[in-house]
Amino acid sequence: MGAVSTSLVEEARTVFRDLGYELTAEGGEFRAERKWRTVYVTTADPEEANTHGRLRCFVTRAERAAEVRDRLLAIEPDYDWAVIGIDEDGKYQVTHPSADVLPAP
């Protein structure tokens, strides 16, 4: 059986849905809301992403997660951020500015 390719955006939606967030499309990204928290989620490169919102999450393939994190550290955006790196099996890790990597539950 051949591998079925799921788009990165759909994989990101699945991650946030599984975490209990309510999703709303917003241009080329989506807004994930749960309780008091609103996270703007994008698959865009940091330099091309929108800058609104206090919490932003950059979703990328696992092999690019460190690069995206380094780029965010270099540009020092005015919002809190995290990077989710998703591998080919749909497993993911969350990386924060401090370089701590949190495995998916």
PDB file of N, CA and C in Angstrom:
ATOM      1  N   MET A   1       0.843  -1.175   0.000  1.00  0.00           N
ATOM      2  CA  MET A   1       0.000   0.000   0.000  1.00  0.00           C
ATOM      3  C   MET A   1       0.883   1.230   0.000  1.00  0.00           C
ATOM      4  N   GLY A   2       0.619   2.197  -0.874  1.00  0.00           N
ATOM      5  CA  GLY A   2       1.397   3.417  -0.954  1.00  0.00           C
ATOM      6  C   GLY A   2       1.081   4.375   0.177  1.00  0.00           C
ATOM      7  N   ALA A   3       2.027   5.244   0.450  1.00  0.00           N
ATOM      8  CA  ALA A   3       1.845   6.230   1.507  1.00  0.00           C
ATOM      9  C   ALA A   3       0.870   7.299   1.051  1.00  0.00           C
ATOM     10  N   VAL A   4       0.030   7.711   1.954  1.00  0.00           N
ATOM     11  CA  VAL A   4      -0.913   8.781   1.661  1.00  0.00           C
ATOM     12  C   VAL A   4      -0.346  10.052   2.254  1.00  0.00           C
ATOM     13  N   SER A   5      -0.207  11.059   1.436  1.00  0.00           N
ATOM     14  CA  SER A   5       0.381  12.315   1.891  1.00  0.00           C
ATOM     15  C   SER A   5      -0.721  13.254   2.380  1.00  0.00           C
ATOM     16  N   THR A   6      -0.592  13.684   3.626  1.00  0.00           N
ATOM     17  CA  THR A   6      -1.520  14.643   4.194  1.00  0.00           C
ATOM     18  C   THR A   6      -0.821  15.986   4.231  1.00  0.00           C
ATOM     19  N   SER A   7      -1.520  17.048   3.879  1.00  0.00           N
ATOM     20  CA  SER A   7      -0.886  18.360   3.869  1.00  0.00           C
ATOM     21  C   SER A   7      -0.491  18.754   5.285  1.00  0.00           C
ATOM     22  N   LEU A   8       0.528  19.569   5.370  1.00  0.00           N
ATOM     23  CA  LEU A   8       1.026  20.038   6.653  1.00  0.00           C
ATOM     24  C   LEU A   8      -0.054  20.805   7.412  1.00  0.00           C
ATOM     25  N   VAL A   9      -0.856  21.574   6.705  1.00  0.00           N
ATOM     26  CA  VAL A   9      -1.941  22.327   7.352  1.00  0.00           C
ATOM     27  C   VAL A   9      -2.947  21.365   7.975  1.00  0.00           C
ATOM     28  N   GLU A  10      -3.303  20.307   7.261  1.00  0.00           N
ATOM     29  CA  GLU A  10      -4.250  19.337   7.809  1.00  0.00           C
ATOM     30  C   GLU A  10      -3.661  18.604   9.007  1.00  0.00           C
ATOM     31  N   GLU A  11      -2.373  18.304   8.954  1.00  0.00           N
ATOM     32  CA  GLU A  11      -1.729  17.665  10.097  1.00  0.00           C
ATOM     33  C   GLU A  11      -1.731  18.605  11.304  1.00  0.00           C
ATOM     34  N   ALA A  12      -1.487  19.886  11.061  1.00  0.00           N
ATOM     35  CA  ALA A  12      -1.517  20.875  12.143  1.00  0.00           C
ATOM     36  C   ALA A  12      -2.922  20.972  12.735  1.00  0.00           C
ATOM     37  N   ARG A  13      -3.925  20.975  11.881  1.00  0.00           N
ATOM     38  CA  ARG A  13      -5.310  21.009  12.362  1.00  0.00           C
ATOM     39  C   ARG A  13      -5.606  19.793  13.246  1.00  0.00           C
ATOM     40  N   THR A  14      -5.130  18.635  12.833  1.00  0.00           N
ATOM     41  CA  THR A  14      -5.348  17.420  13.612  1.00  0.00           C
ATOM     42  C   THR A  14      -4.691  17.530  14.988  1.00  0.00           C
ATOM     43  N   VAL A  15      -3.470  18.035  15.040  1.00  0.00           N
ATOM     44  CA  VAL A  15      -2.772  18.198  16.319  1.00  0.00           C
ATOM     45  C   VAL A  15      -3.595  19.078  17.256  1.00  0.00           C
ATOM     46  N   PHE A  16      -4.031  20.227  16.772  1.00  0.00           N
ATOM     47  CA  PHE A  16      -4.764  21.161  17.635  1.00  0.00           C
ATOM     48  C   PHE A  16      -6.159  20.649  17.982  1.00  0.00           C
ATOM     49  N   ARG A  17      -6.830  19.982  17.045  1.00  0.00           N
ATOM     50  CA  ARG A  17      -8.132  19.372  17.359  1.00  0.00           C
ATOM     51  C   ARG A  17      -7.982  18.327  18.456  1.00  0.00           C
ATOM     52  N   ASP A  18      -6.962  17.480  18.330  1.00  0.00           N
ATOM     53  CA  ASP A  18      -6.712  16.440  19.319  1.00  0.00           C
ATOM     54  C   ASP A  18      -6.401  17.024  20.698  1.00  0.00           C
ATOM     55  N   LEU A  19      -5.873  18.225  20.733  1.00  0.00           N
ATOM     56  CA  LEU A  19      -5.579  18.905  22.001  1.00  0.00           C
ATOM     57  C   LEU A  19      -6.796  19.646  22.557  1.00  0.00           C
ATOM     58  N   GLY A  20      -7.920  19.577  21.846  1.00  0.00           N
ATOM     59  CA  GLY A  20      -9.156  20.166  22.336  1.00  0.00           C
ATOM     60  C   GLY A  20      -9.402  21.604  21.930  1.00  0.00           C
ATOM     61  N   TYR A  21      -8.681  22.083  20.940  1.00  0.00           N
ATOM     62  CA  TYR A  21      -8.866  23.454  20.471  1.00  0.00           C
ATOM     63  C   TYR A  21      -9.993  23.524  19.447  1.00  0.00           C
ATOM     64  N   GLU A  22     -10.698  24.646  19.432  1.00  0.00           N
ATOM     65  CA  GLU A  22     -11.691  24.942  18.402  1.00  0.00           C
ATOM     66  C   GLU A  22     -10.971  25.736  17.318  1.00  0.00           C
ATOM     67  N   LEU A  23     -11.138  25.345  16.055  1.00  0.00           N
ATOM     68  CA  LEU A  23     -10.374  25.937  14.964  1.00  0.00           C
ATOM     69  C   LEU A  23     -11.220  26.836  14.080  1.00  0.00           C
ATOM     70  N   THR A  24     -10.602  27.935  13.644  1.00  0.00           N
ATOM     71  CA  THR A  24     -11.243  28.869  12.732  1.00  0.00           C
ATOM     72  C   THR A  24     -10.237  29.257  11.660  1.00  0.00           C
ATOM     73  N   ALA A  25     -10.610  29.079  10.395  1.00  0.00           N
ATOM     74  CA  ALA A  25      -9.732  29.479   9.293  1.00  0.00           C
ATOM     75  C   ALA A  25      -9.555  30.981   9.311  1.00  0.00           C
ATOM     76  N   GLU A  26      -8.344  31.410   9.019  1.00  0.00           N
ATOM     77  CA  GLU A  26      -8.052  32.842   9.000  1.00  0.00           C
ATOM     78  C   GLU A  26      -6.993  33.103   7.941  1.00  0.00           C
ATOM     79  N   GLY A  27      -7.449  33.320   6.712  1.00  0.00           N
ATOM     80  CA  GLY A  27      -6.515  33.520   5.613  1.00  0.00           C
ATOM     81  C   GLY A  27      -5.713  32.261   5.361  1.00  0.00           C
ATOM     82  N   GLY A  28      -4.394  32.373   5.286  1.00  0.00           N
ATOM     83  CA  GLY A  28      -3.535  31.231   5.040  1.00  0.00           C
ATOM     84  C   GLY A  28      -3.139  30.484   6.295  1.00  0.00           C
ATOM     85  N   GLU A  29      -3.742  30.836   7.419  1.00  0.00           N
ATOM     86  CA  GLU A  29      -3.453  30.158   8.674  1.00  0.00           C
ATOM     87  C   GLU A  29      -4.765  29.842   9.376  1.00  0.00           C
ATOM     88  N   PHE A  30      -4.696  29.405  10.623  1.00  0.00           N
ATOM     89  CA  PHE A  30      -5.925  29.223  11.377  1.00  0.00           C
ATOM     90  C   PHE A  30      -5.721  29.651  12.821  1.00  0.00           C
ATOM     91  N   ARG A  31      -6.820  29.935  13.458  1.00  0.00           N
ATOM     92  CA  ARG A  31      -6.838  30.339  14.859  1.00  0.00           C
ATOM     93  C   ARG A  31      -7.330  29.150  15.667  1.00  0.00           C
ATOM     94  N   ALA A  32      -6.589  28.807  16.712  1.00  0.00           N
ATOM     95  CA  ALA A  32      -6.954  27.706  17.598  1.00  0.00           C
ATOM     96  C   ALA A  32      -7.299  28.302  18.957  1.00  0.00           C
ATOM     97  N   GLU A  33      -8.523  28.023  19.444  1.00  0.00           N
ATOM     98  CA  GLU A  33      -8.967  28.617  20.700  1.00  0.00           C
ATOM     99  C   GLU A  33      -9.409  27.551  21.678  1.00  0.00           C
ATOM    100  N   ARG A  34      -9.017  27.732  22.931  1.00  0.00           N
ATOM    101  CA  ARG A  34      -9.420  26.842  24.010  1.00  0.00           C
ATOM    102  C   ARG A  34      -9.334  27.639  25.305  1.00  0.00           C
ATOM    103  N   LYS A  35     -10.432  27.651  26.032  1.00  0.00           N
ATOM    104  CA  LYS A  35     -10.521  28.430  27.273  1.00  0.00           C
ATOM    105  C   LYS A  35     -10.125  29.870  26.974  1.00  0.00           C
ATOM    106  N   TRP A  36      -9.156  30.381  27.659  1.00  0.00           N
ATOM    107  CA  TRP A  36      -8.742  31.776  27.481  1.00  0.00           C
ATOM    108  C   TRP A  36      -7.665  31.948  26.420  1.00  0.00           C
ATOM    109  N   ARG A  37      -7.162  30.867  25.862  1.00  0.00           N
ATOM    110  CA  ARG A  37      -5.998  30.917  24.989  1.00  0.00           C
ATOM    111  C   ARG A  37      -6.389  30.942  23.513  1.00  0.00           C
ATOM    112  N   THR A  38      -5.780  31.861  22.777  1.00  0.00           N
ATOM    113  CA  THR A  38      -5.923  31.915  21.321  1.00  0.00           C
ATOM    114  C   THR A  38      -4.530  31.826  20.718  1.00  0.00           C
ATOM    115  N   VAL A  39      -4.326  30.821  19.884  1.00  0.00           N
ATOM    116  CA  VAL A  39      -3.038  30.602  19.231  1.00  0.00           C
ATOM    117  C   VAL A  39      -3.252  30.742  17.728  1.00  0.00           C
ATOM    118  N   TYR A  40      -2.436  31.562  17.089  1.00  0.00           N
ATOM    119  CA  TYR A  40      -2.472  31.690  15.639  1.00  0.00           C
ATOM    120  C   TYR A  40      -1.456  30.700  15.073  1.00  0.00           C
ATOM    121  N   VAL A  41      -1.931  29.796  14.227  1.00  0.00           N
ATOM    122  CA  VAL A  41      -1.117  28.690  13.732  1.00  0.00           C
ATOM    123  C   VAL A  41      -0.847  28.897  12.244  1.00  0.00           C
ATOM    124  N   THR A  42       0.411  28.737  11.861  1.00  0.00           N
ATOM    125  CA  THR A  42       0.801  28.951  10.473  1.00  0.00           C
ATOM    126  C   THR A  42       1.840  27.937  10.032  1.00  0.00           C
ATOM    127  N   THR A  43       1.893  27.698   8.743  1.00  0.00           N
ATOM    128  CA  THR A  43       2.956  26.886   8.154  1.00  0.00           C
ATOM    129  C   THR A  43       3.903  27.781   7.348  1.00  0.00           C
ATOM    130  N   ALA A  44       3.702  29.091   7.427  1.00  0.00           N
ATOM    131  CA  ALA A  44       4.552  30.046   6.710  1.00  0.00           C
ATOM    132  C   ALA A  44       5.923  30.144   7.374  1.00  0.00           C
ATOM    133  N   ASP A  45       6.893  30.592   6.615  1.00  0.00           N
ATOM    134  CA  ASP A  45       8.207  30.872   7.185  1.00  0.00           C
ATOM    135  C   ASP A  45       8.081  32.061   8.130  1.00  0.00           C
ATOM    136  N   PRO A  46       8.903  32.123   9.164  1.00  0.00           N
ATOM    137  CA  PRO A  46       8.781  33.195  10.154  1.00  0.00           C
ATOM    138  C   PRO A  46       8.804  34.605   9.561  1.00  0.00           C
ATOM    139  N   GLU A  47       9.653  34.825   8.565  1.00  0.00           N
ATOM    140  CA  GLU A  47       9.755  36.163   7.973  1.00  0.00           C
ATOM    141  C   GLU A  47       8.524  36.540   7.154  1.00  0.00           C
ATOM    142  N   GLU A  48       7.730  35.552   6.755  1.00  0.00           N
ATOM    143  CA  GLU A  48       6.559  35.801   5.909  1.00  0.00           C
ATOM    144  C   GLU A  48       5.242  35.703   6.673  1.00  0.00           C
ATOM    145  N   ALA A  49       5.293  35.292   7.917  1.00  0.00           N
ATOM    146  CA  ALA A  49       4.074  35.065   8.699  1.00  0.00           C
ATOM    147  C   ALA A  49       3.482  36.377   9.196  1.00  0.00           C
ATOM    148  N   ASN A  50       2.178  36.343   9.444  1.00  0.00           N
ATOM    149  CA  ASN A  50       1.520  37.482  10.067  1.00  0.00           C
ATOM    150  C   ASN A  50       2.122  37.701  11.450  1.00  0.00           C
ATOM    151  N   THR A  51       1.960  38.896  11.976  1.00  0.00           N
ATOM    152  CA  THR A  51       2.541  39.205  13.282  1.00  0.00           C
ATOM    153  C   THR A  51       1.491  39.537  14.330  1.00  0.00           C
ATOM    154  N   HIS A  52       0.207  39.454  13.987  1.00  0.00           N
ATOM    155  CA  HIS A  52      -0.823  39.767  14.977  1.00  0.00           C
ATOM    156  C   HIS A  52      -0.970  38.609  15.969  1.00  0.00           C
ATOM    157  N   GLY A  53      -1.528  38.906  17.092  1.00  0.00           N
ATOM    158  CA  GLY A  53      -1.740  37.885  18.122  1.00  0.00           C
ATOM    159  C   GLY A  53      -0.590  37.820  19.099  1.00  0.00           C
ATOM    160  N   ARG A  54      -0.891  37.368  20.286  1.00  0.00           N
ATOM    161  CA  ARG A  54       0.117  37.268  21.347  1.00  0.00           C
ATOM    162  C   ARG A  54       0.802  35.907  21.352  1.00  0.00           C
ATOM    163  N   LEU A  55       0.098  34.871  20.867  1.00  0.00           N
ATOM    164  CA  LEU A  55       0.641  33.514  20.821  1.00  0.00           C
ATOM    165  C   LEU A  55       0.607  33.008  19.385  1.00  0.00           C
ATOM    166  N   ARG A  56       1.756  32.542  18.893  1.00  0.00           N
ATOM    167  CA  ARG A  56       1.830  32.032  17.528  1.00  0.00           C
ATOM    168  C   ARG A  56       2.533  30.689  17.530  1.00  0.00           C
ATOM    169  N   CYS A  57       2.096  29.806  16.648  1.00  0.00           N
ATOM    170  CA  CYS A  57       2.708  28.495  16.517  1.00  0.00           C
ATOM    171  C   CYS A  57       3.069  28.271  15.052  1.00  0.00           C
ATOM    172  N   PHE A  58       4.307  27.906  14.826  1.00  0.00           N
ATOM    173  CA  PHE A  58       4.804  27.617  13.489  1.00  0.00           C
ATOM    174  C   PHE A  58       4.889  26.107  13.344  1.00  0.00           C
ATOM    175  N   VAL A  59       4.189  25.573  12.361  1.00  0.00           N
ATOM    176  CA  VAL A  59       4.171  24.129  12.138  1.00  0.00           C
ATOM    177  C   VAL A  59       4.991  23.837  10.889  1.00  0.00           C
ATOM    178  N   THR A  60       5.895  22.877  11.017  1.00  0.00           N
ATOM    179  CA  THR A  60       6.783  22.525   9.927  1.00  0.00           C
ATOM    180  C   THR A  60       7.090  21.035   9.984  1.00  0.00           C
ATOM    181  N   ARG A  61       7.786  20.541   9.004  1.00  0.00           N
ATOM    182  CA  ARG A  61       8.250  19.158   9.030  1.00  0.00           C
ATOM    183  C   ARG A  61       9.334  19.051  10.097  1.00  0.00           C
ATOM    184  N   ALA A  62       9.433  17.880  10.714  1.00  0.00           N
ATOM    185  CA  ALA A  62      10.353  17.662  11.839  1.00  0.00           C
ATOM    186  C   ALA A  62      11.791  18.054  11.493  1.00  0.00           C
ATOM    187  N   GLU A  63      12.238  17.735  10.289  1.00  0.00           N
ATOM    188  CA  GLU A  63      13.625  18.022   9.917  1.00  0.00           C
ATOM    189  C   GLU A  63      13.920  19.518   9.786  1.00  0.00           C
ATOM    190  N   ARG A  64      12.891  20.360   9.703  1.00  0.00           N
ATOM    191  CA  ARG A  64      13.081  21.814   9.596  1.00  0.00           C
ATOM    192  C   ARG A  64      12.828  22.554  10.903  1.00  0.00           C
ATOM    193  N   ALA A  65      12.368  21.869  11.936  1.00  0.00           N
ATOM    194  CA  ALA A  65      11.957  22.534  13.181  1.00  0.00           C
ATOM    195  C   ALA A  65      13.087  23.354  13.813  1.00  0.00           C
ATOM    196  N   ALA A  66      14.292  22.814  13.887  1.00  0.00           N
ATOM    197  CA  ALA A  66      15.415  23.547  14.493  1.00  0.00           C
ATOM    198  C   ALA A  66      15.745  24.801  13.689  1.00  0.00           C
ATOM    199  N   GLU A  67      15.684  24.700  12.375  1.00  0.00           N
ATOM    200  CA  GLU A  67      15.960  25.854  11.511  1.00  0.00           C
ATOM    201  C   GLU A  67      14.918  26.953  11.740  1.00  0.00           C
ATOM    202  N   VAL A  68      13.646  26.589  11.798  1.00  0.00           N
ATOM    203  CA  VAL A  68      12.580  27.575  12.025  1.00  0.00           C
ATOM    204  C   VAL A  68      12.766  28.226  13.393  1.00  0.00           C
ATOM    205  N   ARG A  69      13.074  27.421  14.418  1.00  0.00           N
ATOM    206  CA  ARG A  69      13.328  27.953  15.758  1.00  0.00           C
ATOM    207  C   ARG A  69      14.475  28.964  15.725  1.00  0.00           C
ATOM    208  N   ASP A  70      15.568  28.623  15.058  1.00  0.00           N
ATOM    209  CA  ASP A  70      16.721  29.523  14.978  1.00  0.00           C
ATOM    210  C   ASP A  70      16.374  30.825  14.261  1.00  0.00           C
ATOM    211  N   ARG A  71      15.563  30.734  13.235  1.00  0.00           N
ATOM    212  CA  ARG A  71      15.154  31.941  12.510  1.00  0.00           C
ATOM    213  C   ARG A  71      14.294  32.836  13.389  1.00  0.00           C
ATOM    214  N   LEU A  72      13.404  32.229  14.177  1.00  0.00           N
ATOM    215  CA  LEU A  72      12.584  33.013  15.096  1.00  0.00           C
ATOM    216  C   LEU A  72      13.450  33.669  16.173  1.00  0.00           C
ATOM    217  N   LEU A  73      14.414  32.953  16.692  1.00  0.00           N
ATOM    218  CA  LEU A  73      15.322  33.539  17.678  1.00  0.00           C
ATOM    219  C   LEU A  73      16.079  34.722  17.081  1.00  0.00           C
ATOM    220  N   ALA A  74      16.457  34.624  15.813  1.00  0.00           N
ATOM    221  CA  ALA A  74      17.206  35.697  15.153  1.00  0.00           C
ATOM    222  C   ALA A  74      16.363  36.949  14.935  1.00  0.00           C
ATOM    223  N   ILE A  75      15.084  36.784  14.591  1.00  0.00           N
ATOM    224  CA  ILE A  75      14.254  37.968  14.311  1.00  0.00           C
ATOM    225  C   ILE A  75      13.588  38.533  15.562  1.00  0.00           C
ATOM    226  N   GLU A  76      13.611  37.790  16.668  1.00  0.00           N
ATOM    227  CA  GLU A  76      13.064  38.248  17.951  1.00  0.00           C
ATOM    228  C   GLU A  76      11.681  38.902  17.814  1.00  0.00           C
ATOM    229  N   PRO A  77      10.671  38.143  17.420  1.00  0.00           N
ATOM    230  CA  PRO A  77       9.333  38.728  17.248  1.00  0.00           C
ATOM    231  C   PRO A  77       8.745  39.201  18.578  1.00  0.00           C
ATOM    232  N   ASP A  78       7.742  40.060  18.485  1.00  0.00           N
ATOM    233  CA  ASP A  78       7.090  40.647  19.662  1.00  0.00           C
ATOM    234  C   ASP A  78       5.947  39.792  20.195  1.00  0.00           C
ATOM    235  N   TYR A  79       5.948  38.518  19.926  1.00  0.00           N
ATOM    236  CA  TYR A  79       4.901  37.620  20.411  1.00  0.00           C
ATOM    237  C   TYR A  79       5.563  36.349  20.950  1.00  0.00           C
ATOM    238  N   ASP A  80       4.834  35.628  21.775  1.00  0.00           N
ATOM    239  CA  ASP A  80       5.305  34.333  22.255  1.00  0.00           C
ATOM    240  C   ASP A  80       5.080  33.317  21.144  1.00  0.00           C
ATOM    241  N   TRP A  81       5.994  32.380  21.004  1.00  0.00           N
ATOM    242  CA  TRP A  81       5.890  31.418  19.904  1.00  0.00           C
ATOM    243  C   TRP A  81       6.396  30.050  20.314  1.00  0.00           C
ATOM    244  N   ALA A  82       6.011  29.087  19.498  1.00  0.00           N
ATOM    245  CA  ALA A  82       6.499  27.720  19.603  1.00  0.00           C
ATOM    246  C   ALA A  82       6.562  27.170  18.188  1.00  0.00           C
ATOM    247  N   VAL A  83       7.343  26.115  18.026  1.00  0.00           N
ATOM    248  CA  VAL A  83       7.453  25.436  16.735  1.00  0.00           C
ATOM    249  C   VAL A  83       7.041  23.986  16.957  1.00  0.00           C
ATOM    250  N   ILE A  84       6.169  23.494  16.097  1.00  0.00           N
ATOM    251  CA  ILE A  84       5.812  22.079  16.118  1.00  0.00           C
ATOM    252  C   ILE A  84       6.411  21.439  14.879  1.00  0.00           C
ATOM    253  N   GLY A  85       7.247  20.440  15.103  1.00  0.00           N
ATOM    254  CA  GLY A  85       7.831  19.662  14.007  1.00  0.00           C
ATOM    255  C   GLY A  85       7.110  18.330  13.910  1.00  0.00           C
ATOM    256  N   ILE A  86       6.486  18.065  12.757  1.00  0.00           N
ATOM    257  CA  ILE A  86       5.710  16.844  12.554  1.00  0.00           C
ATOM    258  C   ILE A  86       6.485  15.907  11.639  1.00  0.00           C
ATOM    259  N   ASP A  87       6.626  14.643  12.075  1.00  0.00           N
ATOM    260  CA  ASP A  87       7.356  13.687  11.241  1.00  0.00           C
ATOM    261  C   ASP A  87       6.404  12.955  10.288  1.00  0.00           C
ATOM    262  N   GLU A  88       6.964  12.055   9.484  1.00  0.00           N
ATOM    263  CA  GLU A  88       6.172  11.367   8.456  1.00  0.00           C
ATOM    264  C   GLU A  88       5.123  10.424   9.046  1.00  0.00           C
ATOM    265  N   ASP A  89       5.254  10.069  10.320  1.00  0.00           N
ATOM    266  CA  ASP A  89       4.271   9.209  10.979  1.00  0.00           C
ATOM    267  C   ASP A  89       3.189  10.009  11.705  1.00  0.00           C
ATOM    268  N   GLY A  90       3.253  11.337  11.614  1.00  0.00           N
ATOM    269  CA  GLY A  90       2.274  12.177  12.287  1.00  0.00           C
ATOM    270  C   GLY A  90       2.620  12.477  13.732  1.00  0.00           C
ATOM    271  N   LYS A  91       3.747  11.965  14.207  1.00  0.00           N
ATOM    272  CA  LYS A  91       4.195  12.286  15.564  1.00  0.00           C
ATOM    273  C   LYS A  91       4.835  13.660  15.526  1.00  0.00           C
ATOM    274  N   TYR A  92       4.764  14.351  16.655  1.00  0.00           N
ATOM    275  CA  TYR A  92       5.288  15.709  16.662  1.00  0.00           C
ATOM    276  C   TYR A  92       6.001  16.032  17.961  1.00  0.00           C
ATOM    277  N   GLN A  93       6.850  17.072  17.872  1.00  0.00           N
ATOM    278  CA  GLN A  93       7.529  17.617  19.032  1.00  0.00           C
ATOM    279  C   GLN A  93       7.334  19.123  19.013  1.00  0.00           C
ATOM    280  N   VAL A  94       7.209  19.681  20.207  1.00  0.00           N
ATOM    281  CA  VAL A  94       7.032  21.118  20.359  1.00  0.00           C
ATOM    282  C   VAL A  94       8.341  21.704  20.861  1.00  0.00           C
ATOM    283  N   THR A  95       8.821  22.728  20.187  1.00  0.00           N
ATOM    284  CA  THR A  95      10.051  23.411  20.575  1.00  0.00           C
ATOM    285  C   THR A  95       9.709  24.848  20.937  1.00  0.00           C
ATOM    286  N   HIS A  96      10.220  25.287  22.081  1.00  0.00           N
ATOM    287  CA  HIS A  96      10.000  26.656  22.553  1.00  0.00           C
ATOM    288  C   HIS A  96      11.291  27.458  22.400  1.00  0.00           C
ATOM    289  N   PRO A  97      11.247  28.764  22.596  1.00  0.00           N
ATOM    290  CA  PRO A  97      12.451  29.597  22.439  1.00  0.00           C
ATOM    291  C   PRO A  97      13.643  29.136  23.271  1.00  0.00           C
ATOM    292  N   SER A  98      13.404  28.516  24.409  1.00  0.00           N
ATOM    293  CA  SER A  98      14.509  28.093  25.263  1.00  0.00           C
ATOM    294  C   SER A  98      15.173  26.810  24.752  1.00  0.00           C
ATOM    295  N   ALA A  99      14.723  26.285  23.628  1.00  0.00           N
ATOM    296  CA  ALA A  99      15.238  25.069  22.986  1.00  0.00           C
ATOM    297  C   ALA A  99      14.779  23.802  23.679  1.00  0.00           C
ATOM    298  N   ASP A 100      13.922  23.905  24.657  1.00  0.00           N
ATOM    299  CA  ASP A 100      13.370  22.699  25.266  1.00  0.00           C
ATOM    300  C   ASP A 100      12.468  22.021  24.243  1.00  0.00           C
ATOM    301  N   VAL A 101      12.564  20.739  24.151  1.00  0.00           N
ATOM    302  CA  VAL A 101      11.726  19.987  23.227  1.00  0.00           C
ATOM    303  C   VAL A 101      10.793  19.125  24.058  1.00  0.00           C
ATOM    304  N   LEU A 102       9.511  19.286  23.808  1.00  0.00           N
ATOM    305  CA  LEU A 102       8.505  18.528  24.528  1.00  0.00           C
ATOM    306  C   LEU A 102       7.900  17.501  23.579  1.00  0.00           C
ATOM    307  N   PRO A 103       8.037  16.207  23.859  1.00  0.00           N
ATOM    308  CA  PRO A 103       7.431  15.197  22.975  1.00  0.00           C
ATOM    309  C   PRO A 103       5.920  15.227  23.078  1.00  0.00           C
ATOM    310  N   ALA A 104       5.274  14.804  22.016  1.00  0.00           N
ATOM    311  CA  ALA A 104       3.811  14.734  22.015  1.00  0.00           C
ATOM    312  C   ALA A 104       3.371  13.663  22.997  1.00  0.00           C
ATOM    313  N   PRO A 105       2.197  13.874  23.632  1.00  0.00           N
ATOM    314  CA  PRO A 105       1.702  12.879  24.587  1.00  0.00           C
ATOM    315  C   PRO A 105       1.351  11.577  23.898  1.00  0.00           C
TER     316      PRO A 105
END
